[in-house]
């Protein structure tokens, strides 16, 4: 498995609600609700931190899961979210614009 980097799509509006992220696509106004795991991954998706690091430092301690299985699940989830335009996935770091990628708090 190659090292993956993930970044939030810049064309989204997002808000945290009870530990989950509500994300609205700027392309078609579709509303997505991310569960706790997906929320952790999405919040950590800065384009410069690898998915492996996110899993090791954020997912494994939070859910007390085995790192290898968690990484496989996280990669599948990241690719699914990328398919919806929520994340960008690359084998190299992803440069980010200076804005907060549409995140509202």
PDB file of N, CA and C in Angstrom:
ATOM      1  N   UNK A   1       0.849  -1.168   0.000  1.00  0.00           N
ATOM      2  CA  UNK A   1       0.000   0.000   0.000  1.00  0.00           C
ATOM      3  C   UNK A   1       0.897   1.234   0.000  1.00  0.00           C
ATOM      4  N   UNK A   2       0.676   2.151  -0.947  1.00  0.00           N
ATOM      5  CA  UNK A   2       1.491   3.348  -1.013  1.00  0.00           C
ATOM      6  C   UNK A   2       1.001   4.380  -0.003  1.00  0.00           C
ATOM      7  N   UNK A   3       1.881   5.303   0.340  1.00  0.00           N
ATOM      8  CA  UNK A   3       1.526   6.360   1.283  1.00  0.00           C
ATOM      9  C   UNK A   3       0.568   7.322   0.604  1.00  0.00           C
ATOM     10  N   UNK A   4      -0.549   7.622   1.273  1.00  0.00           N
ATOM     11  CA  UNK A   4      -1.540   8.542   0.727  1.00  0.00           C
ATOM     12  C   UNK A   4      -1.618   9.807   1.566  1.00  0.00           C
ATOM     13  N   UNK A   5      -1.896  10.891   0.887  1.00  0.00           N
ATOM     14  CA  UNK A   5      -2.137  12.177   1.533  1.00  0.00           C
ATOM     15  C   UNK A   5      -3.553  12.586   1.190  1.00  0.00           C
ATOM     16  N   UNK A   6      -4.211  13.224   2.137  1.00  0.00           N
ATOM     17  CA  UNK A   6      -5.586  13.638   1.903  1.00  0.00           C
ATOM     18  C   UNK A   6      -5.746  15.107   2.281  1.00  0.00           C
ATOM     19  N   UNK A   7      -6.627  15.763   1.563  1.00  0.00           N
ATOM     20  CA  UNK A   7      -6.935  17.166   1.842  1.00  0.00           C
ATOM     21  C   UNK A   7      -8.421  17.381   1.651  1.00  0.00           C
ATOM     22  N   UNK A   8      -8.968  18.319   2.401  1.00  0.00           N
ATOM     23  CA  UNK A   8     -10.375  18.669   2.239  1.00  0.00           C
ATOM     24  C   UNK A   8     -10.566  19.384   0.910  1.00  0.00           C
ATOM     25  N   UNK A   9     -11.650  19.100   0.266  1.00  0.00           N
ATOM     26  CA  UNK A   9     -11.985  19.797  -0.968  1.00  0.00           C
ATOM     27  C   UNK A   9     -12.258  21.259  -0.629  1.00  0.00           C
ATOM     28  N   UNK A  10     -11.776  22.183  -1.456  1.00  0.00           N
ATOM     29  CA  UNK A  10     -11.985  23.605  -1.161  1.00  0.00           C
ATOM     30  C   UNK A  10     -13.395  24.105  -1.463  1.00  0.00           C
ATOM     31  N   UNK A  11     -14.228  23.307  -2.107  1.00  0.00           N
ATOM     32  CA  UNK A  11     -15.563  23.758  -2.513  1.00  0.00           C
ATOM     33  C   UNK A  11     -16.656  23.160  -1.635  1.00  0.00           C
ATOM     34  N   UNK A  12     -16.463  23.294  -0.322  1.00  0.00           N
ATOM     35  CA  UNK A  12     -17.420  22.732   0.632  1.00  0.00           C
ATOM     36  C   UNK A  12     -17.737  23.743   1.724  1.00  0.00           C
ATOM     37  N   UNK A  13     -18.894  23.595   2.302  1.00  0.00           N
ATOM     38  CA  UNK A  13     -19.241  24.295   3.531  1.00  0.00           C
ATOM     39  C   UNK A  13     -19.415  23.219   4.588  1.00  0.00           C
ATOM     40  N   UNK A  14     -18.842  23.431   5.767  1.00  0.00           N
ATOM     41  CA  UNK A  14     -18.892  22.389   6.794  1.00  0.00           C
ATOM     42  C   UNK A  14     -19.136  22.992   8.165  1.00  0.00           C
ATOM     43  N   UNK A  15     -19.795  22.200   8.997  1.00  0.00           N
ATOM     44  CA  UNK A  15     -20.046  22.607  10.368  1.00  0.00           C
ATOM     45  C   UNK A  15     -20.067  21.360  11.244  1.00  0.00           C
ATOM     46  N   UNK A  16     -19.456  21.483  12.414  1.00  0.00           N
ATOM     47  CA  UNK A  16     -19.459  20.390  13.378  1.00  0.00           C
ATOM     48  C   UNK A  16     -20.737  20.456  14.210  1.00  0.00           C
ATOM     49  N   UNK A  17     -21.371  19.300  14.374  1.00  0.00           N
ATOM     50  CA  UNK A  17     -22.602  19.220  15.139  1.00  0.00           C
ATOM     51  C   UNK A  17     -22.586  17.934  15.950  1.00  0.00           C
ATOM     52  N   UNK A  18     -22.487  18.045  17.256  1.00  0.00           N
ATOM     53  CA  UNK A  18     -22.451  16.887  18.148  1.00  0.00           C
ATOM     54  C   UNK A  18     -21.368  15.881  17.774  1.00  0.00           C
ATOM     55  N   UNK A  19     -20.165  16.359  17.439  1.00  0.00           N
ATOM     56  CA  UNK A  19     -19.040  15.484  17.139  1.00  0.00           C
ATOM     57  C   UNK A  19     -19.024  14.915  15.735  1.00  0.00           C
ATOM     58  N   UNK A  20     -19.998  15.277  14.918  1.00  0.00           N
ATOM     59  CA  UNK A  20     -20.031  14.822  13.534  1.00  0.00           C
ATOM     60  C   UNK A  20     -19.977  16.052  12.625  1.00  0.00           C
ATOM     61  N   UNK A  21     -19.481  15.861  11.427  1.00  0.00           N
ATOM     62  CA  UNK A  21     -19.407  16.960  10.474  1.00  0.00           C
ATOM     63  C   UNK A  21     -20.582  16.889   9.519  1.00  0.00           C
ATOM     64  N   UNK A  22     -21.187  18.038   9.317  1.00  0.00           N
ATOM     65  CA  UNK A  22     -22.210  18.199   8.287  1.00  0.00           C
ATOM     66  C   UNK A  22     -21.501  18.952   7.161  1.00  0.00           C
ATOM     67  N   UNK A  23     -21.487  18.376   5.964  1.00  0.00           N
ATOM     68  CA  UNK A  23     -20.765  18.963   4.843  1.00  0.00           C
ATOM     69  C   UNK A  23     -21.718  19.137   3.676  1.00  0.00           C
ATOM     70  N   UNK A  24     -21.693  20.336   3.103  1.00  0.00           N
ATOM     71  CA  UNK A  24     -22.520  20.601   1.934  1.00  0.00           C
ATOM     72  C   UNK A  24     -21.607  20.827   0.733  1.00  0.00           C
ATOM     73  N   UNK A  25     -21.879  20.098  -0.328  1.00  0.00           N
ATOM     74  CA  UNK A  25     -21.126  20.222  -1.563  1.00  0.00           C
ATOM     75  C   UNK A  25     -21.473  21.537  -2.248  1.00  0.00           C
ATOM     76  N   UNK A  26     -20.442  22.274  -2.649  1.00  0.00           N
ATOM     77  CA  UNK A  26     -20.657  23.503  -3.406  1.00  0.00           C
ATOM     78  C   UNK A  26     -21.052  23.224  -4.842  1.00  0.00           C
ATOM     79  N   UNK A  27     -20.772  22.032  -5.315  1.00  0.00           N
ATOM     80  CA  UNK A  27     -21.068  21.680  -6.710  1.00  0.00           C
ATOM     81  C   UNK A  27     -22.551  21.415  -6.932  1.00  0.00           C
ATOM     82  N   UNK A  28     -23.183  20.662  -6.010  1.00  0.00           N
ATOM     83  CA  UNK A  28     -24.582  20.295  -6.245  1.00  0.00           C
ATOM     84  C   UNK A  28     -25.467  20.426  -5.005  1.00  0.00           C
ATOM     85  N   UNK A  29     -24.954  21.064  -3.950  1.00  0.00           N
ATOM     86  CA  UNK A  29     -25.691  21.297  -2.696  1.00  0.00           C
ATOM     87  C   UNK A  29     -26.105  20.019  -1.978  1.00  0.00           C
ATOM     88  N   UNK A  30     -25.448  18.906  -2.255  1.00  0.00           N
ATOM     89  CA  UNK A  30     -25.721  17.669  -1.532  1.00  0.00           C
ATOM     90  C   UNK A  30     -25.185  17.803  -0.108  1.00  0.00           C
ATOM     91  N   UNK A  31     -25.945  17.338   0.869  1.00  0.00           N
ATOM     92  CA  UNK A  31     -25.550  17.391   2.265  1.00  0.00           C
ATOM     93  C   UNK A  31     -25.069  16.013   2.710  1.00  0.00           C
ATOM     94  N   UNK A  32     -23.895  15.966   3.325  1.00  0.00           N
ATOM     95  CA  UNK A  32     -23.318  14.724   3.825  1.00  0.00           C
ATOM     96  C   UNK A  32     -23.134  14.850   5.331  1.00  0.00           C
ATOM     97  N   UNK A  33     -23.364  13.759   6.043  1.00  0.00           N
ATOM     98  CA  UNK A  33     -23.083  13.696   7.477  1.00  0.00           C
ATOM     99  C   UNK A  33     -21.990  12.653   7.670  1.00  0.00           C
ATOM    100  N   UNK A  34     -20.874  13.069   8.270  1.00  0.00           N
ATOM    101  CA  UNK A  34     -19.765  12.151   8.513  1.00  0.00           C
ATOM    102  C   UNK A  34     -19.851  11.595   9.920  1.00  0.00           C
ATOM    103  N   UNK A  35     -19.625  10.291  10.067  1.00  0.00           N
ATOM    104  CA  UNK A  35     -19.607   9.696  11.399  1.00  0.00           C
ATOM    105  C   UNK A  35     -18.326  10.124  12.117  1.00  0.00           C
ATOM    106  N   UNK A  36     -18.144   9.667  13.342  1.00  0.00           N
ATOM    107  CA  UNK A  36     -17.009  10.109  14.155  1.00  0.00           C
ATOM    108  C   UNK A  36     -15.667   9.789  13.499  1.00  0.00           C
ATOM    109  N   UNK A  37     -15.517   8.594  12.954  1.00  0.00           N
ATOM    110  CA  UNK A  37     -14.265   8.218  12.299  1.00  0.00           C
ATOM    111  C   UNK A  37     -13.999   9.101  11.082  1.00  0.00           C
ATOM    112  N   UNK A  38     -14.991   9.257  10.236  1.00  0.00           N
ATOM    113  CA  UNK A  38     -14.832  10.089   9.041  1.00  0.00           C
ATOM    114  C   UNK A  38     -14.581  11.546   9.418  1.00  0.00           C
ATOM    115  N   UNK A  39     -15.199  12.005  10.506  1.00  0.00           N
ATOM    116  CA  UNK A  39     -14.984  13.371  10.972  1.00  0.00           C
ATOM    117  C   UNK A  39     -13.535  13.578  11.397  1.00  0.00           C
ATOM    118  N   UNK A  40     -12.976  12.639  12.133  1.00  0.00           N
ATOM    119  CA  UNK A  40     -11.578  12.732  12.559  1.00  0.00           C
ATOM    120  C   UNK A  40     -10.671  12.790  11.334  1.00  0.00           C
ATOM    121  N   UNK A  41     -10.909  11.925  10.373  1.00  0.00           N
ATOM    122  CA  UNK A  41     -10.092  11.906   9.156  1.00  0.00           C
ATOM    123  C   UNK A  41     -10.249  13.223   8.396  1.00  0.00           C
ATOM    124  N   UNK A  42     -11.474  13.692   8.238  1.00  0.00           N
ATOM    125  CA  UNK A  42     -11.721  14.923   7.488  1.00  0.00           C
ATOM    126  C   UNK A  42     -11.056  16.126   8.169  1.00  0.00           C
ATOM    127  N   UNK A  43     -11.169  16.218   9.489  1.00  0.00           N
ATOM    128  CA  UNK A  43     -10.579  17.340  10.213  1.00  0.00           C
ATOM    129  C   UNK A  43      -9.053  17.333  10.126  1.00  0.00           C
ATOM    130  N   UNK A  44      -8.455  16.144  10.050  1.00  0.00           N
ATOM    131  CA  UNK A  44      -6.994  16.041   9.990  1.00  0.00           C
ATOM    132  C   UNK A  44      -6.456  16.141   8.563  1.00  0.00           C
ATOM    133  N   UNK A  45      -7.329  16.185   7.582  1.00  0.00           N
ATOM    134  CA  UNK A  45      -6.928  16.173   6.168  1.00  0.00           C
ATOM    135  C   UNK A  45      -6.375  17.528   5.755  1.00  0.00           C
ATOM    136  N   UNK A  46      -5.087  17.737   6.019  1.00  0.00           N
ATOM    137  CA  UNK A  46      -4.454  19.017   5.725  1.00  0.00           C
ATOM    138  C   UNK A  46      -3.595  18.995   4.463  1.00  0.00           C
ATOM    139  N   UNK A  47      -3.521  17.841   3.809  1.00  0.00           N
ATOM    140  CA  UNK A  47      -2.748  17.727   2.581  1.00  0.00           C
ATOM    141  C   UNK A  47      -1.276  17.436   2.796  1.00  0.00           C
ATOM    142  N   UNK A  48      -0.772  17.663   4.009  1.00  0.00           N
ATOM    143  CA  UNK A  48       0.655  17.428   4.266  1.00  0.00           C
ATOM    144  C   UNK A  48       0.908  16.280   5.234  1.00  0.00           C
ATOM    145  N   UNK A  49      -0.140  15.861   5.953  1.00  0.00           N
ATOM    146  CA  UNK A  49      -0.028  14.737   6.874  1.00  0.00           C
ATOM    147  C   UNK A  49      -0.543  13.488   6.158  1.00  0.00           C
ATOM    148  N   UNK A  50       0.247  12.427   6.180  1.00  0.00           N
ATOM    149  CA  UNK A  50      -0.179  11.204   5.486  1.00  0.00           C
ATOM    150  C   UNK A  50      -1.351  10.566   6.215  1.00  0.00           C
ATOM    151  N   UNK A  51      -2.140   9.821   5.466  1.00  0.00           N
ATOM    152  CA  UNK A  51      -3.265   9.093   6.051  1.00  0.00           C
ATOM    153  C   UNK A  51      -2.762   8.112   7.104  1.00  0.00           C
ATOM    154  N   UNK A  52      -1.612   7.506   6.864  1.00  0.00           N
ATOM    155  CA  UNK A  52      -1.031   6.578   7.827  1.00  0.00           C
ATOM    156  C   UNK A  52      -0.771   7.273   9.166  1.00  0.00           C
ATOM    157  N   UNK A  53      -0.238   8.495   9.123  1.00  0.00           N
ATOM    158  CA  UNK A  53       0.010   9.250  10.356  1.00  0.00           C
ATOM    159  C   UNK A  53      -1.304   9.598  11.055  1.00  0.00           C
ATOM    160  N   UNK A  54      -2.310   9.978  10.286  1.00  0.00           N
ATOM    161  CA  UNK A  54      -3.614  10.302  10.862  1.00  0.00           C
ATOM    162  C   UNK A  54      -4.180   9.078  11.583  1.00  0.00           C
ATOM    163  N   UNK A  55      -4.090   7.935  10.942  1.00  0.00           N
ATOM    164  CA  UNK A  55      -4.601   6.698  11.546  1.00  0.00           C
ATOM    165  C   UNK A  55      -3.816   6.371  12.814  1.00  0.00           C
ATOM    166  N   UNK A  56      -2.488   6.417  12.742  1.00  0.00           N
ATOM    167  CA  UNK A  56      -1.655   6.048  13.888  1.00  0.00           C
ATOM    168  C   UNK A  56      -1.835   6.988  15.079  1.00  0.00           C
ATOM    169  N   UNK A  57      -1.974   8.290  14.807  1.00  0.00           N
ATOM    170  CA  UNK A  57      -2.005   9.279  15.889  1.00  0.00           C
ATOM    171  C   UNK A  57      -3.402   9.679  16.338  1.00  0.00           C
ATOM    172  N   UNK A  58      -4.406   9.464  15.491  1.00  0.00           N
ATOM    173  CA  UNK A  58      -5.762   9.926  15.834  1.00  0.00           C
ATOM    174  C   UNK A  58      -6.773   8.778  15.922  1.00  0.00           C
ATOM    175  N   UNK A  59      -6.771   7.867  14.944  1.00  0.00           N
ATOM    176  CA  UNK A  59      -7.785   6.808  14.903  1.00  0.00           C
ATOM    177  C   UNK A  59      -7.465   5.678  15.883  1.00  0.00           C
ATOM    178  N   UNK A  60      -6.247   5.156  15.845  1.00  0.00           N
ATOM    179  CA  UNK A  60      -5.874   4.022  16.706  1.00  0.00           C
ATOM    180  C   UNK A  60      -6.065   4.360  18.186  1.00  0.00           C
ATOM    181  N   UNK A  61      -5.565   5.501  18.678  1.00  0.00           N
ATOM    182  CA  UNK A  61      -5.777   5.805  20.101  1.00  0.00           C
ATOM    183  C   UNK A  61      -7.255   6.042  20.462  1.00  0.00           C
ATOM    184  N   UNK A  62      -7.993   6.658  19.553  1.00  0.00           N
ATOM    185  CA  UNK A  62      -9.399   6.973  19.831  1.00  0.00           C
ATOM    186  C   UNK A  62     -10.265   5.717  19.922  1.00  0.00           C
ATOM    187  N   UNK A  63     -10.031   4.766  19.019  1.00  0.00           N
ATOM    188  CA  UNK A  63     -10.909   3.594  18.934  1.00  0.00           C
ATOM    189  C   UNK A  63     -10.250   2.296  19.396  1.00  0.00           C
ATOM    190  N   UNK A  64      -8.965   2.366  19.779  1.00  0.00           N
ATOM    191  CA  UNK A  64      -8.223   1.190  20.242  1.00  0.00           C
ATOM    192  C   UNK A  64      -8.356   0.028  19.261  1.00  0.00           C
ATOM    193  N   UNK A  65      -7.965   0.286  18.013  1.00  0.00           N
ATOM    194  CA  UNK A  65      -8.026  -0.707  16.945  1.00  0.00           C
ATOM    195  C   UNK A  65      -6.623  -1.013  16.458  1.00  0.00           C
ATOM    196  N   UNK A  66      -6.490  -2.101  15.725  1.00  0.00           N
ATOM    197  CA  UNK A  66      -5.207  -2.503  15.159  1.00  0.00           C
ATOM    198  C   UNK A  66      -4.875  -1.578  13.989  1.00  0.00           C
ATOM    199  N   UNK A  67      -3.646  -1.077  13.941  1.00  0.00           N
ATOM    200  CA  UNK A  67      -3.243  -0.047  12.976  1.00  0.00           C
ATOM    201  C   UNK A  67      -3.388  -0.493  11.523  1.00  0.00           C
ATOM    202  N   UNK A  68      -3.002  -1.715  11.204  1.00  0.00           N
ATOM    203  CA  UNK A  68      -3.062  -2.182   9.815  1.00  0.00           C
ATOM    204  C   UNK A  68      -4.485  -2.234   9.283  1.00  0.00           C
ATOM    205  N   UNK A  69      -5.376  -2.812  10.053  1.00  0.00           N
ATOM    206  CA  UNK A  69      -6.779  -2.895   9.639  1.00  0.00           C
ATOM    207  C   UNK A  69      -7.404  -1.505   9.585  1.00  0.00           C
ATOM    208  N   UNK A  70      -7.057  -0.652  10.559  1.00  0.00           N
ATOM    209  CA  UNK A  70      -7.599   0.707  10.581  1.00  0.00           C
ATOM    210  C   UNK A  70      -7.133   1.493   9.360  1.00  0.00           C
ATOM    211  N   UNK A  71      -5.890   1.292   8.948  1.00  0.00           N
ATOM    212  CA  UNK A  71      -5.373   1.996   7.773  1.00  0.00           C
ATOM    213  C   UNK A  71      -6.096   1.547   6.509  1.00  0.00           C
ATOM    214  N   UNK A  72      -6.338   0.249   6.373  1.00  0.00           N
ATOM    215  CA  UNK A  72      -7.076  -0.245   5.207  1.00  0.00           C
ATOM    216  C   UNK A  72      -8.481   0.343   5.165  1.00  0.00           C
ATOM    217  N   UNK A  73      -9.150   0.368   6.315  1.00  0.00           N
ATOM    218  CA  UNK A  73     -10.497   0.941   6.379  1.00  0.00           C
ATOM    219  C   UNK A  73     -10.472   2.438   6.079  1.00  0.00           C
ATOM    220  N   UNK A  74      -9.476   3.133   6.615  1.00  0.00           N
ATOM    221  CA  UNK A  74      -9.364   4.579   6.397  1.00  0.00           C
ATOM    222  C   UNK A  74      -9.089   4.902   4.937  1.00  0.00           C
ATOM    223  N   UNK A  75      -8.273   4.079   4.285  1.00  0.00           N
ATOM    224  CA  UNK A  75      -8.001   4.309   2.862  1.00  0.00           C
ATOM    225  C   UNK A  75      -9.277   4.118   2.037  1.00  0.00           C
ATOM    226  N   UNK A  76     -10.035   3.084   2.338  1.00  0.00           N
ATOM    227  CA  UNK A  76     -11.296   2.863   1.620  1.00  0.00           C
ATOM    228  C   UNK A  76     -12.254   4.022   1.860  1.00  0.00           C
ATOM    229  N   UNK A  77     -12.330   4.492   3.091  1.00  0.00           N
ATOM    230  CA  UNK A  77     -13.199   5.620   3.422  1.00  0.00           C
ATOM    231  C   UNK A  77     -12.738   6.895   2.711  1.00  0.00           C
ATOM    232  N   UNK A  78     -11.439   7.159   2.711  1.00  0.00           N
ATOM    233  CA  UNK A  78     -10.909   8.357   2.043  1.00  0.00           C
ATOM    234  C   UNK A  78     -11.216   8.328   0.550  1.00  0.00           C
ATOM    235  N   UNK A  79     -11.069   7.171  -0.059  1.00  0.00           N
ATOM    236  CA  UNK A  79     -11.370   7.063  -1.495  1.00  0.00           C
ATOM    237  C   UNK A  79     -12.875   7.240  -1.756  1.00  0.00           C
ATOM    238  N   UNK A  80     -13.709   6.735  -0.848  1.00  0.00           N
ATOM    239  CA  UNK A  80     -15.152   6.926  -0.998  1.00  0.00           C
ATOM    240  C   UNK A  80     -15.504   8.412  -0.885  1.00  0.00           C
ATOM    241  N   UNK A  81     -14.925   9.085   0.115  1.00  0.00           N
ATOM    242  CA  UNK A  81     -15.187  10.509   0.285  1.00  0.00           C
ATOM    243  C   UNK A  81     -14.651  11.315  -0.895  1.00  0.00           C
ATOM    244  N   UNK A  82     -13.536  10.882  -1.455  1.00  0.00           N
ATOM    245  CA  UNK A  82     -13.002  11.547  -2.649  1.00  0.00           C
ATOM    246  C   UNK A  82     -13.954  11.378  -3.822  1.00  0.00           C
ATOM    247  N   UNK A  83     -14.594  10.222  -3.911  1.00  0.00           N
ATOM    248  CA  UNK A  83     -15.565   9.979  -4.965  1.00  0.00           C
ATOM    249  C   UNK A  83     -16.768  10.909  -4.886  1.00  0.00           C
ATOM    250  N   UNK A  84     -17.046  11.413  -3.682  1.00  0.00           N
ATOM    251  CA  UNK A  84     -18.148  12.361  -3.488  1.00  0.00           C
ATOM    252  C   UNK A  84     -17.663  13.810  -3.548  1.00  0.00           C
ATOM    253  N   UNK A  85     -16.356  13.997  -3.766  1.00  0.00           N
ATOM    254  CA  UNK A  85     -15.816  15.348  -3.846  1.00  0.00           C
ATOM    255  C   UNK A  85     -15.560  15.993  -2.497  1.00  0.00           C
ATOM    256  N   UNK A  86     -15.559  15.210  -1.426  1.00  0.00           N
ATOM    257  CA  UNK A  86     -15.349  15.732  -0.078  1.00  0.00           C
ATOM    258  C   UNK A  86     -13.860  15.824   0.252  1.00  0.00           C
ATOM    259  N   UNK A  87     -13.091  14.850  -0.206  1.00  0.00           N
ATOM    260  CA  UNK A  87     -11.642  14.828   0.006  1.00  0.00           C
ATOM    261  C   UNK A  87     -10.914  14.760  -1.327  1.00  0.00           C
ATOM    262  N   UNK A  88      -9.665  15.193  -1.291  1.00  0.00           N
ATOM    263  CA  UNK A  88      -8.732  14.972  -2.382  1.00  0.00           C
ATOM    264  C   UNK A  88      -7.744  13.924  -1.884  1.00  0.00           C
ATOM    265  N   UNK A  89      -7.368  12.973  -2.732  1.00  0.00           N
ATOM    266  CA  UNK A  89      -6.440  11.912  -2.361  1.00  0.00           C
ATOM    267  C   UNK A  89      -5.292  11.910  -3.348  1.00  0.00           C
ATOM    268  N   UNK A  90      -4.049  11.816  -2.820  1.00  0.00           N
ATOM    269  CA  UNK A  90      -2.864  11.831  -3.675  1.00  0.00           C
ATOM    270  C   UNK A  90      -1.765  10.995  -3.028  1.00  0.00           C
ATOM    271  N   UNK A  91      -0.832  10.543  -3.841  1.00  0.00           N
ATOM    272  CA  UNK A  91       0.331   9.831  -3.314  1.00  0.00           C
ATOM    273  C   UNK A  91       1.449  10.803  -2.945  1.00  0.00           C
ATOM    274  N   UNK A  92       1.222  12.086  -3.120  1.00  0.00           N
ATOM    275  CA  UNK A  92       2.176  13.130  -2.745  1.00  0.00           C
ATOM    276  C   UNK A  92       1.435  14.189  -1.940  1.00  0.00           C
ATOM    277  N   UNK A  93       2.147  14.953  -1.098  1.00  0.00           N
ATOM    278  CA  UNK A  93       1.476  16.021  -0.349  1.00  0.00           C
ATOM    279  C   UNK A  93       0.687  16.943  -1.289  1.00  0.00           C
ATOM    280  N   UNK A  94      -0.425  17.450  -0.791  1.00  0.00           N
ATOM    281  CA  UNK A  94      -1.341  18.275  -1.577  1.00  0.00           C
ATOM    282  C   UNK A  94      -1.250  19.717  -1.078  1.00  0.00           C
ATOM    283  N   UNK A  95      -0.777  20.638  -1.910  1.00  0.00           N
ATOM    284  CA  UNK A  95      -0.720  22.034  -1.477  1.00  0.00           C
ATOM    285  C   UNK A  95      -2.121  22.573  -1.223  1.00  0.00           C
ATOM    286  N   UNK A  96      -2.274  23.361  -0.176  1.00  0.00           N
ATOM    287  CA  UNK A  96      -3.571  23.921   0.187  1.00  0.00           C
ATOM    288  C   UNK A  96      -3.559  25.435   0.052  1.00  0.00           C
ATOM    289  N   UNK A  97      -4.699  26.016  -0.354  1.00  0.00           N
ATOM    290  CA  UNK A  97      -4.796  27.474  -0.379  1.00  0.00           C
ATOM    291  C   UNK A  97      -4.732  28.005   1.054  1.00  0.00           C
ATOM    292  N   UNK A  98      -4.576  29.285   1.211  1.00  0.00           N
ATOM    293  CA  UNK A  98      -4.431  29.888   2.536  1.00  0.00           C
ATOM    294  C   UNK A  98      -5.706  29.902   3.347  1.00  0.00           C
ATOM    295  N   UNK A  99      -6.867  29.683   2.727  1.00  0.00           N
ATOM    296  CA  UNK A  99      -8.142  29.704   3.457  1.00  0.00           C
ATOM    297  C   UNK A  99      -8.294  28.437   4.284  1.00  0.00           C
ATOM    298  N   UNK A 100      -9.340  28.419   5.108  1.00  0.00           N
ATOM    299  CA  UNK A 100      -9.622  27.265   5.978  1.00  0.00           C
ATOM    300  C   UNK A 100     -10.466  26.229   5.273  1.00  0.00           C
ATOM    301  N   UNK A 101     -10.438  26.159   3.975  1.00  0.00           N
ATOM    302  CA  UNK A 101     -11.125  25.158   3.162  1.00  0.00           C
ATOM    303  C   UNK A 101     -12.627  25.104   3.418  1.00  0.00           C
ATOM    304  N   UNK A 102     -13.212  26.273   3.654  1.00  0.00           N
ATOM    305  CA  UNK A 102     -14.655  26.332   3.793  1.00  0.00           C
ATOM    306  C   UNK A 102     -15.205  25.866   5.120  1.00  0.00           C
ATOM    307  N   UNK A 103     -14.359  25.607   6.085  1.00  0.00           N
ATOM    308  CA  UNK A 103     -14.846  25.073   7.356  1.00  0.00           C
ATOM    309  C   UNK A 103     -15.403  26.204   8.213  1.00  0.00           C
ATOM    310  N   UNK A 104     -16.580  26.005   8.698  1.00  0.00           N
ATOM    311  CA  UNK A 104     -17.196  26.927   9.657  1.00  0.00           C
ATOM    312  C   UNK A 104     -17.240  26.241  11.001  1.00  0.00           C
ATOM    313  N   UNK A 105     -17.080  26.975  12.040  1.00  0.00           N
ATOM    314  CA  UNK A 105     -17.095  26.382  13.391  1.00  0.00           C
ATOM    315  C   UNK A 105     -18.238  26.914  14.167  1.00  0.00           C
TER     316      UNK A 105
END
